Protein backbone atom coordinates (compact mmCIF):
# COMPACT_ATOMS: atom_id res chain seq x y z
CA MET A 1 0.55 32.11 43.90
CA ALA A 2 3.29 30.67 41.77
CA LYS A 3 2.75 27.83 39.88
CA LYS A 4 3.88 24.29 40.63
CA PRO A 5 6.28 22.59 38.36
CA ASP A 6 4.71 19.30 36.77
CA LYS A 7 7.91 17.33 36.99
CA PRO A 8 9.99 17.05 40.08
CA SER A 9 12.94 18.60 37.76
CA GLY A 10 10.78 21.45 37.14
CA GLU A 11 10.60 21.03 33.54
CA PRO A 12 7.00 20.98 32.42
CA SER A 13 5.28 18.05 31.30
CA LYS A 14 5.18 17.14 27.65
CA PRO A 15 1.97 16.67 25.95
CA SER A 16 1.51 12.41 25.89
CA LYS A 17 1.76 11.14 22.45
CA PRO A 18 -2.28 9.54 21.26
CA SER A 19 -2.35 5.67 22.02
CA LYS A 20 -1.21 3.11 19.38
CA ALA A 21 -1.79 -0.06 18.88
CA ILE A 22 -0.84 -2.96 15.99
CA LEU A 23 -2.34 -5.98 15.23
CA LEU A 24 0.94 -8.36 14.66
CA GLY A 25 0.22 -11.43 12.54
CA ILE A 26 3.20 -14.10 11.90
CA GLY A 27 2.76 -17.12 10.12
CA LEU A 28 5.28 -20.02 11.12
CA ASP A 29 4.71 -22.42 8.19
CA ASN A 30 7.12 -21.50 4.81
CA ASP A 31 7.03 -22.34 1.17
CA GLY A 32 10.07 -20.28 0.47
CA HIS A 33 8.40 -17.09 -0.38
CA LYS A 34 8.59 -14.12 1.65
CA ARG A 35 5.30 -12.54 2.26
CA VAL A 36 4.83 -8.94 4.06
CA THR A 37 1.26 -7.72 4.52
CA THR A 38 0.90 -4.13 6.13
CA GLY A 39 -2.16 -1.58 6.72
CA PRO A 40 -2.73 1.40 8.98
CA ASN A 41 -3.13 -0.65 11.84
CA PHE A 42 -1.73 -4.41 11.30
CA ALA A 43 1.48 -5.93 9.94
CA LEU A 44 1.59 -9.74 8.39
CA LEU A 45 4.94 -11.48 8.47
CA GLY A 46 5.39 -14.90 6.92
CA GLY A 47 3.52 -18.15 6.62
CA THR A 48 2.32 -20.05 3.27
CA GLN A 49 -0.22 -18.37 0.93
CA ASP A 50 -2.92 -20.00 2.39
CA THR A 51 -2.13 -18.92 6.10
CA HIS A 52 -1.11 -15.11 4.98
CA ASP A 53 -3.99 -15.19 2.84
CA GLU A 54 -6.28 -16.31 6.34
CA MET A 55 -4.24 -13.38 8.65
CA THR A 56 -5.05 -10.82 6.07
CA GLU A 57 -8.96 -12.01 6.36
CA LYS A 58 -8.84 -11.49 9.59
CA ALA A 59 -7.18 -8.43 10.15
CA ILE A 60 -9.42 -7.01 7.76
CA LYS A 61 -12.61 -8.19 9.41
CA ILE A 62 -11.26 -7.32 12.60
CA ASN A 63 -11.01 -3.65 11.14
CA GLU A 64 -14.53 -3.86 9.54
CA LYS A 65 -16.24 -4.85 13.15
CA LEU A 66 -13.73 -1.88 14.64
CA THR A 67 -15.41 0.59 12.09
CA HIS A 68 -18.66 -1.07 13.16
CA ARG A 69 -18.67 -0.13 16.56
CA GLY A 70 -17.18 3.48 15.62
CA LYS A 71 -13.86 2.47 17.43
CA GLN A 72 -9.98 2.33 16.70
CA LEU A 73 -7.71 -0.41 17.74
CA HIS A 74 -6.36 1.48 20.44
CA GLU A 75 -9.36 2.37 21.79
CA VAL A 76 -11.09 -1.31 22.77
CA SER A 77 -10.49 -3.27 25.91
CA SER A 78 -8.92 -6.51 25.89
CA GLU A 79 -12.19 -7.83 26.47
CA GLU A 80 -13.84 -5.89 23.63
CA PHE A 81 -10.94 -7.05 21.32
CA ASP A 82 -11.48 -10.99 22.16
CA GLU A 83 -15.35 -10.66 21.68
CA ILE A 84 -14.44 -9.24 17.90
CA ALA A 85 -11.96 -11.82 17.72
CA HIS A 86 -13.91 -14.59 18.63
CA ALA A 87 -16.71 -13.07 16.06
CA VAL A 88 -13.46 -13.54 13.44
CA GLY A 89 -12.98 -17.49 13.70
CA LEU A 90 -10.36 -16.28 15.97
CA ARG A 91 -9.36 -17.81 19.29
CA ARG A 92 -6.92 -18.01 22.56
CA ASN A 93 -4.96 -20.87 23.05
CA PRO A 94 -3.94 -21.42 26.51
CA PRO A 95 -0.75 -20.32 27.90
CA GLY A 96 1.29 -23.73 27.58
CA LYS A 97 -1.12 -25.84 25.45
CA SER A 98 -0.41 -25.52 21.55
CA GLU A 99 -2.21 -27.38 18.90
């Protein structure tokens, strides 16, 4: 029996790359300094010192919660991520509404 090709073109399929996810924090307030903080699964850009420190704290706490659950960022559902984010003090704003 002949092996069927994996793709219509007859090429075998490539192994899929592992999933990746990243937290991206952007501070929109500014005090003239450029701030960038990165971690294994997050990048935080901009903001005043206070804003940047708060974003950093939240990213670290999210990672602690993920570690406690034995999961990585790319392994949680959006519902589970929302639960974790809420637990560290973040909240989702409905589309079209700003504070």
